[in-house]
Amino acid sequence: MSHTDCDPQRFPVHRTTVRDNVEIAYVREGIGGVPLLLLHGWPGSKRLFWRNIAPLAAMGFEVIVPDQRGIGDSPIVADGPLTIAESAQDMHALMQALGHETCVGAAGDFGSVVMLDIGKRFPGFLQRQVLYNGGTPDVADAYLAAGLSASILDDVTLRSDHFTLHGAQADELVARLASDADRLAYVESFFLGTHEWREGDGPVDLAGPGNFTPEAARFQAETMRSADRLRASLDFYACLFGELSKTAAPPMLAGPATIETMVLWGMADGIVASAYPAMMAIGCTDLVGPLVLPGVGHFVPWEAATIFNNVLRVFCRDLLGAR
């Protein structure tokens, strides 16, 4: 691991007010290249892509890596919590503010759900997308007909209680994590393979074994050190599983994804398991892959940075060559 991998000052952070007075913080490198939007999920922030930004910019991409509202350097919006639908609109507005009417997207975890929503909500905006270890299109009948769960959320629930804990019990969880040290240890556990996903079952790896050092886990987790930051980030779950789900606009996920999609699956992910690539093969009508990555878990851009970067280069070779 390079000493710059965990340097929070490695890239300058920019800020733009995008819509409804929502300010988004982001890194932007390689201005003038092929616009590329990289979206983090949970736990995470723009720091998940620290190993990708410079190489992708050198390949010819204009790399734009935001913190979604309330996460990392983006302010918490008191009267506008983080939801999938709101974030999709934030990200589209950010790209428009930066002068881009189209882009390539790459995302995992909840970031991929936001990306799928963007593809439905703003037709023609995404030229193509790379998705890994995250959400799937809502084609429940097709999944069931193939002998799979109705959704990736149902499949994950077979192995984990964290949707309920983070969504329906978010306030109670944050109250129990009473100090910065408690909160850091909790978030770090997801990177270090020490998190117990279902009470009594013991820890299950999310990342591939050894892919995060304690220093790297701390670097990723420290953006959620404070109680208010951790709580704001959990609205990703609350908008689907908690009280916020009663008032939040639902995400736009129904129907197959028709955008050209490259799917990566870090197969060491013990939570987003083999149903993910199987579902994406059904839910995407213009599919490349899935590319299966042994020894790699949930955090593909960090754990397999060179592969992730080269996949984007090859997948977008025609776009890069046109510049």
C-alpha atoms as a PDB file:
ATOM      1  CA  MET A   1       0.000   0.000   0.000  1.00  0.00           C
ATOM      2  CA  SER A   2       1.385   3.392  -1.005  1.00  0.00           C
ATOM      3  CA  HIS A   3       1.723   6.018   1.709  1.00  0.00           C
ATOM      4  CA  THR A   4      -0.516   8.273  -0.400  1.00  0.00           C
ATOM      5  CA  ASP A   5      -3.381   5.754  -0.361  1.00  0.00           C
ATOM      6  CA  CYS A   6      -4.449   6.962   3.079  1.00  0.00           C
ATOM      7  CA  ASP A   7      -3.598  10.642   2.700  1.00  0.00           C
ATOM      8  CA  PRO A   8      -6.827  12.664   3.101  1.00  0.00           C
ATOM      9  CA  GLN A   9      -5.124  15.650   1.424  1.00  0.00           C
ATOM     10  CA  ARG A  10      -4.046  13.738  -1.671  1.00  0.00           C
ATOM     11  CA  PHE A  11      -6.647  15.424  -3.895  1.00  0.00           C
ATOM     12  CA  PRO A  12      -8.178  18.908  -3.636  1.00  0.00           C
ATOM     13  CA  VAL A  13     -11.834  18.917  -2.595  1.00  0.00           C
ATOM     14  CA  HIS A  14     -14.286  21.113  -4.496  1.00  0.00           C
ATOM     15  CA  ARG A  15     -17.786  22.127  -3.455  1.00  0.00           C
ATOM     16  CA  THR A  16     -20.870  22.949  -5.530  1.00  0.00           C
ATOM     17  CA  THR A  17     -24.430  23.766  -4.498  1.00  0.00           C
ATOM     18  CA  VAL A  18     -26.464  21.563  -6.798  1.00  0.00           C
ATOM     19  CA  ARG A  19     -30.185  21.799  -5.997  1.00  0.00           C
ATOM     20  CA  ASP A  20     -32.432  22.895  -3.131  1.00  0.00           C
ATOM     21  CA  ASN A  21     -29.344  24.411  -1.436  1.00  0.00           C
ATOM     22  CA  VAL A  22     -27.682  20.991  -1.179  1.00  0.00           C
ATOM     23  CA  GLU A  23     -23.900  21.344  -1.202  1.00  0.00           C
ATOM     24  CA  ILE A  24     -21.886  18.410  -2.557  1.00  0.00           C
ATOM     25  CA  ALA A  25     -18.160  17.978  -1.934  1.00  0.00           C
ATOM     26  CA  TYR A  26     -16.210  16.123  -4.599  1.00  0.00           C
ATOM     27  CA  VAL A  27     -12.845  15.418  -6.173  1.00  0.00           C
ATOM     28  CA  ARG A  28     -12.461  16.318  -9.837  1.00  0.00           C
ATOM     29  CA  GLU A  29      -9.354  15.307 -11.785  1.00  0.00           C
ATOM     30  CA  GLY A  30      -8.577  15.120 -15.507  1.00  0.00           C
ATOM     31  CA  ILE A  31     -10.827  17.973 -16.626  1.00  0.00           C
ATOM     32  CA  GLY A  32     -11.636  17.676 -20.324  1.00  0.00           C
ATOM     33  CA  GLY A  33     -11.613  13.885 -20.403  1.00  0.00           C
ATOM     34  CA  VAL A  34     -14.508  11.438 -20.693  1.00  0.00           C
ATOM     35  CA  PRO A  35     -16.819  12.291 -17.762  1.00  0.00           C
ATOM     36  CA  LEU A  36     -16.785   9.479 -15.202  1.00  0.00           C
ATOM     37  CA  LEU A  37     -18.947   9.534 -12.070  1.00  0.00           C
ATOM     38  CA  LEU A  38     -17.793   7.253  -9.234  1.00  0.00           C
ATOM     39  CA  LEU A  39     -20.300   6.658  -6.422  1.00  0.00           C
ATOM     40  CA  HIS A  40     -19.565   5.169  -2.999  1.00  0.00           C
ATOM     41  CA  GLY A  41     -21.974   3.162  -0.884  1.00  0.00           C
ATOM     42  CA  TRP A  42     -21.986   2.282   2.834  1.00  0.00           C
ATOM     43  CA  PRO A  43     -19.662   2.198   4.642  1.00  0.00           C
ATOM     44  CA  GLY A  44     -17.701   4.544   2.496  1.00  0.00           C
ATOM     45  CA  SER A  45     -17.076   7.949   1.021  1.00  0.00           C
ATOM     46  CA  LYS A  46     -15.133   9.324  -1.908  1.00  0.00           C
ATOM     47  CA  ARG A  47     -12.027   7.919  -0.179  1.00  0.00           C
ATOM     48  CA  LEU A  48     -12.943   4.447  -1.426  1.00  0.00           C
ATOM     49  CA  PHE A  49     -11.694   5.587  -4.856  1.00  0.00           C
ATOM     50  CA  TRP A  50      -8.343   7.045  -3.722  1.00  0.00           C
ATOM     51  CA  ARG A  51      -6.489   4.316  -5.645  1.00  0.00           C
ATOM     52  CA  ASN A  52      -8.455   4.954  -8.841  1.00  0.00           C
ATOM     53  CA  ILE A  53      -8.633   8.696  -9.344  1.00  0.00           C
ATOM     54  CA  ALA A  54      -5.118   9.437 -10.610  1.00  0.00           C
ATOM     55  CA  PRO A  55      -4.788   6.352 -12.871  1.00  0.00           C
ATOM     56  CA  LEU A  56      -8.222   6.905 -14.398  1.00  0.00           C
ATOM     57  CA  ALA A  57      -7.477  10.580 -15.031  1.00  0.00           C
ATOM     58  CA  ALA A  58      -4.212   9.562 -16.720  1.00  0.00           C
ATOM     59  CA  MET A  59      -6.207   7.195 -18.969  1.00  0.00           C
ATOM     60  CA  GLY A  60      -8.278  10.106 -20.260  1.00  0.00           C
ATOM     61  CA  PHE A  61     -11.253  10.269 -17.922  1.00  0.00           C
ATOM     62  CA  GLU A  62     -12.534  13.355 -16.158  1.00  0.00           C
ATOM     63  CA  VAL A  63     -12.958  11.653 -12.817  1.00  0.00           C
ATOM     64  CA  ILE A  64     -15.671  13.079 -10.552  1.00  0.00           C
ATOM     65  CA  VAL A  65     -15.961  11.479  -7.115  1.00  0.00           C
ATOM     66  CA  PRO A  66     -18.585  13.012  -4.801  1.00  0.00           C
ATOM     67  CA  ASP A  67     -19.457  12.460  -1.190  1.00  0.00           C
ATOM     68  CA  GLN A  68     -23.208  11.926  -1.168  1.00  0.00           C
ATOM     69  CA  ARG A  69     -25.131  14.338   1.054  1.00  0.00           C
ATOM     70  CA  GLY A  70     -24.269  14.088   4.745  1.00  0.00           C
ATOM     71  CA  ILE A  71     -21.242  11.845   4.121  1.00  0.00           C
ATOM     72  CA  GLY A  72     -17.554  12.732   4.139  1.00  0.00           C
ATOM     73  CA  ASP A  73     -17.088  16.408   3.318  1.00  0.00           C
ATOM     74  CA  SER A  74     -20.657  16.986   2.097  1.00  0.00           C
ATOM     75  CA  PRO A  75     -22.787  18.781   4.699  1.00  0.00           C
ATOM     76  CA  ILE A  76     -25.713  17.130   6.423  1.00  0.00           C
ATOM     77  CA  VAL A  77     -29.008  18.493   5.083  1.00  0.00           C
ATOM     78  CA  ALA A  78     -31.209  18.966   8.151  1.00  0.00           C
ATOM     79  CA  ASP A  79     -34.522  18.970   6.307  1.00  0.00           C
ATOM     80  CA  GLY A  80     -33.446  16.679   3.458  1.00  0.00           C
ATOM     81  CA  PRO A  81     -32.043  13.347   4.603  1.00  0.00           C
ATOM     82  CA  LEU A  82     -29.962  11.074   2.423  1.00  0.00           C
ATOM     83  CA  THR A  83     -32.233   8.904   0.288  1.00  0.00           C
ATOM     84  CA  ILE A  84     -31.651   7.036  -2.936  1.00  0.00           C
ATOM     85  CA  ALA A  85     -34.077   9.205  -4.919  1.00  0.00           C
ATOM     86  CA  GLU A  86     -32.674  12.479  -3.561  1.00  0.00           C
ATOM     87  CA  SER A  87     -29.088  11.387  -4.093  1.00  0.00           C
ATOM     88  CA  ALA A  88     -29.793  10.395  -7.692  1.00  0.00           C
ATOM     89  CA  GLN A  89     -31.072  13.893  -8.339  1.00  0.00           C
ATOM     90  CA  ASP A  90     -28.119  15.439  -6.472  1.00  0.00           C
ATOM     91  CA  MET A  91     -25.615  13.523  -8.595  1.00  0.00           C
ATOM     92  CA  HIS A  92     -27.328  14.368 -11.864  1.00  0.00           C
ATOM     93  CA  ALA A  93     -27.474  18.035 -10.857  1.00  0.00           C
ATOM     94  CA  LEU A  94     -23.790  17.990  -9.906  1.00  0.00           C
ATOM     95  CA  MET A  95     -22.764  16.615 -13.280  1.00  0.00           C
ATOM     96  CA  GLN A  96     -24.911  19.182 -15.057  1.00  0.00           C
ATOM     97  CA  ALA A  97     -23.383  21.957 -12.951  1.00  0.00           C
ATOM     98  CA  LEU A  98     -19.955  20.745 -14.100  1.00  0.00           C
ATOM     99  CA  GLY A  99     -21.088  20.967 -17.721  1.00  0.00           C
ATOM    100  CA  HIS A 100     -21.849  17.311 -18.469  1.00  0.00           C
ATOM    101  CA  GLU A 101     -25.050  16.139 -20.152  1.00  0.00           C
ATOM    102  CA  THR A 102     -23.816  12.529 -20.338  1.00  0.00           C
ATOM    103  CA  CYS A 103     -21.271  10.433 -18.478  1.00  0.00           C
ATOM    104  CA  VAL A 104     -20.010   6.971 -17.645  1.00  0.00           C
ATOM    105  CA  GLY A 105     -20.868   5.710 -14.159  1.00  0.00           C
ATOM    106  CA  ALA A 106     -19.284   3.217 -11.779  1.00  0.00           C
ATOM    107  CA  ALA A 107     -20.605   2.257  -8.357  1.00  0.00           C
ATOM    108  CA  GLY A 108     -21.188  -0.448  -5.777  1.00  0.00           C
ATOM    109  CA  ASP A 109     -23.292  -1.080  -2.682  1.00  0.00           C
ATOM    110  CA  PHE A 110     -25.875   1.709  -2.207  1.00  0.00           C
ATOM    111  CA  GLY A 111     -23.986   3.768  -4.781  1.00  0.00           C
ATOM    112  CA  SER A 112     -25.033   1.238  -7.401  1.00  0.00           C
ATOM    113  CA  VAL A 113     -28.670   1.600  -6.331  1.00  0.00           C
ATOM    114  CA  VAL A 114     -28.327   5.355  -6.830  1.00  0.00           C
ATOM    115  CA  MET A 115     -26.732   4.681 -10.222  1.00  0.00           C
ATOM    116  CA  LEU A 116     -29.576   2.366 -11.260  1.00  0.00           C
ATOM    117  CA  ASP A 117     -32.056   5.058 -10.223  1.00  0.00           C
ATOM    118  CA  ILE A 118     -30.171   7.663 -12.273  1.00  0.00           C
ATOM    119  CA  GLY A 119     -30.404   5.411 -15.310  1.00  0.00           C
ATOM    120  CA  LYS A 120     -34.199   5.196 -14.986  1.00  0.00           C
ATOM    121  CA  ARG A 121     -34.816   8.776 -13.857  1.00  0.00           C
ATOM    122  CA  PHE A 122     -32.668  10.487 -16.487  1.00  0.00           C
ATOM    123  CA  PRO A 123     -32.828   8.478 -19.730  1.00  0.00           C
ATOM    124  CA  GLY A 124     -29.820   8.998 -21.971  1.00  0.00           C
ATOM    125  CA  PHE A 125     -27.655  10.480 -19.234  1.00  0.00           C
ATOM    126  CA  LEU A 126     -25.544   7.360 -18.566  1.00  0.00           C
ATOM    127  CA  GLN A 127     -23.650   6.192 -21.627  1.00  0.00           C
ATOM    128  CA  ARG A 128     -22.632   2.976 -19.863  1.00  0.00           C
ATOM    129  CA  GLN A 129     -21.975   1.785 -16.324  1.00  0.00           C
ATOM    130  CA  VAL A 130     -19.742  -0.508 -14.272  1.00  0.00           C
ATOM    131  CA  LEU A 131     -21.518  -1.993 -11.238  1.00  0.00           C
ATOM    132  CA  TYR A 132     -20.147  -4.226  -8.492  1.00  0.00           C
ATOM    133  CA  ASN A 133     -21.379  -5.944  -5.299  1.00  0.00           C
ATOM    134  CA  GLY A 134     -24.520  -3.904  -4.789  1.00  0.00           C
ATOM    135  CA  GLY A 135     -28.121  -3.414  -5.811  1.00  0.00           C
ATOM    136  CA  THR A 136     -29.927  -5.050  -8.688  1.00  0.00           C
ATOM    137  CA  PRO A 137     -32.775  -3.971 -10.998  1.00  0.00           C
ATOM    138  CA  ASP A 138     -36.281  -4.695  -9.726  1.00  0.00           C
ATOM    139  CA  VAL A 139     -37.424  -7.640 -11.858  1.00  0.00           C
ATOM    140  CA  ALA A 140     -38.709  -9.837  -9.025  1.00  0.00           C
ATOM    141  CA  ASP A 141     -40.779 -12.218 -11.171  1.00  0.00           C
ATOM    142  CA  ALA A 142     -37.800 -13.031 -13.380  1.00  0.00           C
ATOM    143  CA  TYR A 143     -35.582 -13.686 -10.362  1.00  0.00           C
ATOM    144  CA  LEU A 144     -38.162 -15.946  -8.747  1.00  0.00           C
ATOM    145  CA  ALA A 145     -38.632 -17.842 -11.995  1.00  0.00           C
ATOM    146  CA  ALA A 146     -34.889 -18.542 -11.979  1.00  0.00           C
ATOM    147  CA  GLY A 147     -35.054 -19.924  -8.439  1.00  0.00           C
ATOM    148  CA  LEU A 148     -33.519 -16.822  -6.832  1.00  0.00           C
ATOM    149  CA  SER A 149     -34.797 -14.473  -4.134  1.00  0.00           C
ATOM    150  CA  ALA A 150     -37.165 -11.743  -5.271  1.00  0.00           C
ATOM    151  CA  SER A 151     -34.491  -9.091  -4.636  1.00  0.00           C
ATOM    152  CA  ILE A 152     -30.866  -8.830  -3.611  1.00  0.00           C
ATOM    153  CA  LEU A 153     -32.097  -7.332  -0.333  1.00  0.00           C
ATOM    154  CA  ASP A 154     -34.029 -10.524   0.404  1.00  0.00           C
ATOM    155  CA  ASP A 155     -30.961 -12.584  -0.410  1.00  0.00           C
ATOM    156  CA  VAL A 156     -28.668 -10.533   1.859  1.00  0.00           C
ATOM    157  CA  THR A 157     -31.207 -10.821   4.680  1.00  0.00           C
ATOM    158  CA  LEU A 158     -30.594 -14.574   4.692  1.00  0.00           C
ATOM    159  CA  ARG A 159     -27.131 -13.829   6.103  1.00  0.00           C
ATOM    160  CA  SER A 160     -27.459 -10.510   7.896  1.00  0.00           C
ATOM    161  CA  ASP A 161     -29.664  -8.471  10.225  1.00  0.00           C
ATOM    162  CA  HIS A 162     -27.953  -5.181   9.407  1.00  0.00           C
ATOM    163  CA  PHE A 163     -30.779  -3.814   7.248  1.00  0.00           C
ATOM    164  CA  THR A 164     -33.030  -3.809  10.304  1.00  0.00           C
ATOM    165  CA  LEU A 165     -30.306  -2.570  12.636  1.00  0.00           C
ATOM    166  CA  HIS A 166     -29.220   0.281  10.362  1.00  0.00           C
ATOM    167  CA  GLY A 167     -32.685   1.163   9.069  1.00  0.00           C
ATOM    168  CA  ALA A 168     -35.355   0.543  11.687  1.00  0.00           C
ATOM    169  CA  GLN A 169     -33.003   0.847  14.696  1.00  0.00           C
ATOM    170  CA  ALA A 170     -30.559   3.510  13.514  1.00  0.00           C
ATOM    171  CA  ASP A 171     -31.142   5.882  16.438  1.00  0.00           C
ATOM    172  CA  GLU A 172     -30.706   3.099  18.984  1.00  0.00           C
ATOM    173  CA  LEU A 173     -27.505   1.909  17.292  1.00  0.00           C
ATOM    174  CA  VAL A 174     -25.915   5.349  17.298  1.00  0.00           C
ATOM    175  CA  ALA A 175     -26.928   5.869  20.934  1.00  0.00           C
ATOM    176  CA  ARG A 176     -25.133   2.643  21.892  1.00  0.00           C
ATOM    177  CA  LEU A 177     -21.986   3.754  20.096  1.00  0.00           C
ATOM    178  CA  ALA A 178     -21.342   6.462  22.649  1.00  0.00           C
ATOM    179  CA  SER A 179     -17.848   7.668  21.713  1.00  0.00           C
ATOM    180  CA  ASP A 180     -15.702   8.387  18.668  1.00  0.00           C
ATOM    181  CA  ALA A 181     -13.711   5.258  19.483  1.00  0.00           C
ATOM    182  CA  ASP A 182     -16.864   3.129  19.595  1.00  0.00           C
ATOM    183  CA  ARG A 183     -18.093   4.476  16.272  1.00  0.00           C
ATOM    184  CA  LEU A 184     -14.712   4.058  14.589  1.00  0.00           C
ATOM    185  CA  ALA A 185     -14.410   0.475  15.822  1.00  0.00           C
ATOM    186  CA  TYR A 186     -17.905  -0.313  14.572  1.00  0.00           C
ATOM    187  CA  VAL A 187     -17.329   1.013  11.050  1.00  0.00           C
ATOM    188  CA  GLU A 188     -13.806  -0.401  10.855  1.00  0.00           C
ATOM    189  CA  SER A 189     -15.187  -3.861  11.622  1.00  0.00           C
ATOM    190  CA  PHE A 190     -16.858  -3.942   8.192  1.00  0.00           C
ATOM    191  CA  PHE A 191     -13.483  -3.493   6.484  1.00  0.00           C
ATOM    192  CA  LEU A 192     -11.492  -5.778   8.772  1.00  0.00           C
ATOM    193  CA  GLY A 193     -13.785  -8.819   8.734  1.00  0.00           C
ATOM    194  CA  THR A 194     -14.641  -8.626  12.422  1.00  0.00           C
ATOM    195  CA  HIS A 195     -18.295  -7.618  12.094  1.00  0.00           C
ATOM    196  CA  GLU A 196     -20.940 -10.051  13.357  1.00  0.00           C
ATOM    197  CA  TRP A 197     -23.721  -9.790  10.801  1.00  0.00           C
ATOM    198  CA  ARG A 198     -26.250 -11.912  12.645  1.00  0.00           C
ATOM    199  CA  GLU A 199     -26.181 -12.287  16.401  1.00  0.00           C
ATOM    200  CA  GLY A 200     -24.532 -15.542  17.401  1.00  0.00           C
ATOM    201  CA  ASP A 201     -23.245 -16.427  13.926  1.00  0.00           C
ATOM    202  CA  GLY A 202     -19.761 -14.965  14.309  1.00  0.00           C
ATOM    203  CA  PRO A 203     -17.951 -12.570  11.948  1.00  0.00           C
ATOM    204  CA  VAL A 204     -18.224 -12.853   8.174  1.00  0.00           C
ATOM    205  CA  ASP A 205     -15.779 -11.254   5.747  1.00  0.00           C
ATOM    206  CA  LEU A 206     -17.058  -8.379   3.662  1.00  0.00           C
ATOM    207  CA  ALA A 207     -13.663  -7.499   2.193  1.00  0.00           C
ATOM    208  CA  GLY A 208     -11.255 -10.116   0.953  1.00  0.00           C
ATOM    209  CA  PRO A 209      -8.920 -11.402   3.677  1.00  0.00           C
ATOM    210  CA  GLY A 210      -6.032  -9.021   4.297  1.00  0.00           C
ATOM    211  CA  ASN A 211      -7.184  -6.440   1.756  1.00  0.00           C
ATOM    212  CA  PHE A 212      -7.522  -3.733   4.408  1.00  0.00           C
ATOM    213  CA  THR A 213      -4.807  -2.919   6.896  1.00  0.00           C
ATOM    214  CA  PRO A 214      -5.861  -1.290  10.174  1.00  0.00           C
ATOM    215  CA  GLU A 215      -4.550   1.998   8.769  1.00  0.00           C
ATOM    216  CA  ALA A 216      -6.679   1.660   5.626  1.00  0.00           C
ATOM    217  CA  ALA A 217      -9.776   0.697   7.631  1.00  0.00           C
ATOM    218  CA  ARG A 218      -9.302   3.746   9.857  1.00  0.00           C
ATOM    219  CA  PHE A 219      -8.851   5.963   6.784  1.00  0.00           C
ATOM    220  CA  GLN A 220     -12.168   4.768   5.352  1.00  0.00           C
ATOM    221  CA  ALA A 221     -14.048   4.813   8.669  1.00  0.00           C
ATOM    222  CA  GLU A 222     -12.993   8.147  10.100  1.00  0.00           C
ATOM    223  CA  THR A 223     -15.470  10.140   8.005  1.00  0.00           C
ATOM    224  CA  MET A 224     -18.151   8.540  10.247  1.00  0.00           C
ATOM    225  CA  ARG A 225     -16.351   9.252  13.512  1.00  0.00           C
ATOM    226  CA  SER A 226     -18.998  11.652  14.860  1.00  0.00           C
ATOM    227  CA  ALA A 227     -22.476  10.604  15.955  1.00  0.00           C
ATOM    228  CA  ASP A 228     -24.233  13.002  13.596  1.00  0.00           C
ATOM    229  CA  ARG A 229     -22.207  11.838  10.588  1.00  0.00           C
ATOM    230  CA  LEU A 230     -22.763   8.172  11.312  1.00  0.00           C
ATOM    231  CA  ARG A 231     -26.482   8.737  11.837  1.00  0.00           C
ATOM    232  CA  ALA A 232     -26.839  10.757   8.637  1.00  0.00           C
ATOM    233  CA  SER A 233     -25.129   7.991   6.644  1.00  0.00           C
ATOM    234  CA  LEU A 234     -27.608   5.405   7.935  1.00  0.00           C
ATOM    235  CA  ASP A 235     -30.456   7.173   6.150  1.00  0.00           C
ATOM    236  CA  PHE A 236     -29.403   5.100   3.141  1.00  0.00           C
ATOM    237  CA  TYR A 237     -30.963   2.215   5.096  1.00  0.00           C
ATOM    238  CA  ALA A 238     -33.740   4.162   6.811  1.00  0.00           C
ATOM    239  CA  CYS A 239     -35.220   5.267   3.475  1.00  0.00           C
ATOM    240  CA  LEU A 240     -35.860   1.584   2.707  1.00  0.00           C
ATOM    241  CA  PHE A 241     -36.260  -0.093   6.092  1.00  0.00           C
ATOM    242  CA  GLY A 242     -37.004   2.586   8.718  1.00  0.00           C
ATOM    243  CA  GLU A 243     -39.380   5.421   9.497  1.00  0.00           C
ATOM    244  CA  LEU A 244     -37.971   7.449   6.629  1.00  0.00           C
ATOM    245  CA  SER A 245     -39.392   4.878   4.205  1.00  0.00           C
ATOM    246  CA  LYS A 246     -42.886   6.180   5.020  1.00  0.00           C
ATOM    247  CA  THR A 247     -42.137   9.670   3.678  1.00  0.00           C
ATOM    248  CA  ALA A 248     -39.200   9.307   1.285  1.00  0.00           C
ATOM    249  CA  ALA A 249     -39.819   9.138  -2.442  1.00  0.00           C
ATOM    250  CA  PRO A 250     -39.200   5.554  -3.570  1.00  0.00           C
ATOM    251  CA  PRO A 251     -36.229   4.834  -5.817  1.00  0.00           C
ATOM    252  CA  MET A 252     -36.837   4.268  -9.517  1.00  0.00           C
ATOM    253  CA  LEU A 253     -35.651   0.684 -10.000  1.00  0.00           C
ATOM    254  CA  ALA A 254     -38.555  -1.146 -11.646  1.00  0.00           C
ATOM    255  CA  GLY A 255     -37.785  -3.046 -14.810  1.00  0.00           C
ATOM    256  CA  PRO A 256     -34.513  -4.227 -16.312  1.00  0.00           C
ATOM    257  CA  ALA A 257     -31.485  -1.994 -16.735  1.00  0.00           C
ATOM    258  CA  THR A 258     -31.127  -1.268 -20.442  1.00  0.00           C
ATOM    259  CA  ILE A 259     -27.865   0.707 -20.259  1.00  0.00           C
ATOM    260  CA  GLU A 260     -24.747  -1.165 -21.386  1.00  0.00           C
ATOM    261  CA  THR A 261     -23.487  -2.564 -18.088  1.00  0.00           C
ATOM    262  CA  MET A 262     -20.234  -4.189 -17.031  1.00  0.00           C
ATOM    263  CA  VAL A 263     -20.717  -6.266 -13.867  1.00  0.00           C
ATOM    264  CA  LEU A 264     -17.899  -7.110 -11.458  1.00  0.00           C
ATOM    265  CA  TRP A 265     -18.330  -9.417  -8.481  1.00  0.00           C
ATOM    266  CA  GLY A 266     -15.791  -9.607  -5.694  1.00  0.00           C
ATOM    267  CA  MET A 267     -16.494 -13.208  -4.769  1.00  0.00           C
ATOM    268  CA  ALA A 268     -14.869 -13.016  -1.315  1.00  0.00           C
ATOM    269  CA  ASP A 269     -17.829 -10.870  -0.243  1.00  0.00           C
ATOM    270  CA  GLY A 270     -19.617 -13.058   2.296  1.00  0.00           C
ATOM    271  CA  ILE A 271     -22.752 -10.891   2.348  1.00  0.00           C
ATOM    272  CA  VAL A 272     -23.462  -9.904  -1.267  1.00  0.00           C
ATOM    273  CA  ALA A 273     -23.012 -13.469  -2.409  1.00  0.00           C
ATOM    274  CA  SER A 274     -23.369 -15.461  -5.636  1.00  0.00           C
ATOM    275  CA  ALA A 275     -26.979 -14.361  -6.163  1.00  0.00           C
ATOM    276  CA  TYR A 276     -25.616 -10.939  -7.172  1.00  0.00           C
ATOM    277  CA  PRO A 277     -23.987 -11.878 -10.497  1.00  0.00           C
ATOM    278  CA  ALA A 278     -26.847 -14.282 -11.224  1.00  0.00           C
ATOM    279  CA  MET A 279     -29.412 -11.511 -10.694  1.00  0.00           C
ATOM    280  CA  MET A 280     -27.469  -8.986 -12.747  1.00  0.00           C
ATOM    281  CA  ALA A 281     -27.306 -11.474 -15.619  1.00  0.00           C
ATOM    282  CA  ILE A 282     -31.114 -11.510 -15.553  1.00  0.00           C
ATOM    283  CA  GLY A 283     -31.746  -7.855 -14.702  1.00  0.00           C
ATOM    284  CA  CYS A 284     -29.491  -6.203 -17.323  1.00  0.00           C
ATOM    285  CA  THR A 285     -30.478  -6.425 -20.981  1.00  0.00           C
ATOM    286  CA  ASP A 286     -27.111  -5.199 -22.334  1.00  0.00           C
ATOM    287  CA  LEU A 287     -24.620  -7.005 -20.118  1.00  0.00           C
ATOM    288  CA  VAL A 288     -20.853  -7.433 -20.224  1.00  0.00           C
ATOM    289  CA  GLY A 289     -19.615  -9.966 -17.689  1.00  0.00           C
ATOM    290  CA  PRO A 290     -20.091 -10.740 -14.893  1.00  0.00           C
ATOM    291  CA  LEU A 291     -16.340 -10.674 -14.256  1.00  0.00           C
ATOM    292  CA  VAL A 292     -15.655 -12.712 -11.115  1.00  0.00           C
ATOM    293  CA  LEU A 293     -12.757 -11.579  -8.933  1.00  0.00           C
ATOM    294  CA  PRO A 294     -11.340 -14.227  -6.567  1.00  0.00           C
ATOM    295  CA  GLY A 295      -9.803 -12.914  -3.344  1.00  0.00           C
ATOM    296  CA  VAL A 296     -11.660  -9.615  -3.743  1.00  0.00           C
ATOM    297  CA  GLY A 297     -14.635  -8.659  -1.618  1.00  0.00           C
ATOM    298  CA  HIS A 298     -17.186  -5.885  -1.393  1.00  0.00           C
ATOM    299  CA  PHE A 299     -14.886  -2.902  -1.969  1.00  0.00           C
ATOM    300  CA  VAL A 300     -13.697  -3.652  -5.486  1.00  0.00           C
ATOM    301  CA  PRO A 301     -12.146  -0.249  -6.373  1.00  0.00           C
ATOM    302  CA  TRP A 302      -9.840  -0.392  -3.341  1.00  0.00           C
ATOM    303  CA  GLU A 303      -9.215  -4.130  -3.193  1.00  0.00           C
ATOM    304  CA  ALA A 304      -8.615  -4.624  -6.921  1.00  0.00           C
ATOM    305  CA  ALA A 305      -7.703  -1.114  -8.027  1.00  0.00           C
ATOM    306  CA  THR A 306      -5.668  -2.071 -11.089  1.00  0.00           C
ATOM    307  CA  ILE A 307      -8.369  -4.426 -12.373  1.00  0.00           C
ATOM    308  CA  PHE A 308     -11.103  -1.858 -11.729  1.00  0.00           C
ATOM    309  CA  ASN A 309      -9.146   0.862 -13.540  1.00  0.00           C
ATOM    310  CA  ASN A 310      -8.310  -1.334 -16.516  1.00  0.00           C
ATOM    311  CA  VAL A 311     -11.887  -2.584 -16.822  1.00  0.00           C
ATOM    312  CA  LEU A 312     -13.041   1.009 -17.194  1.00  0.00           C
ATOM    313  CA  ARG A 313     -10.292   1.721 -19.733  1.00  0.00           C
ATOM    314  CA  VAL A 314     -11.184  -1.283 -21.893  1.00  0.00           C
ATOM    315  CA  PHE A 315     -14.947  -0.904 -21.467  1.00  0.00           C
ATOM    316  CA  CYS A 316     -14.737   2.747 -22.569  1.00  0.00           C
ATOM    317  CA  ARG A 317     -11.907   2.433 -25.077  1.00  0.00           C
ATOM    318  CA  ASP A 318     -14.044   3.810 -27.917  1.00  0.00           C
ATOM    319  CA  LEU A 319     -15.067   6.831 -25.846  1.00  0.00           C
ATOM    320  CA  LEU A 320     -11.493   7.514 -24.776  1.00  0.00           C
ATOM    321  CA  GLY A 321     -10.271   7.170 -28.347  1.00  0.00           C
ATOM    322  CA  ALA A 322     -12.763   9.761 -29.537  1.00  0.00           C
ATOM    323  CA  ARG A 323     -11.156  12.458 -27.360  1.00  0.00           C
END
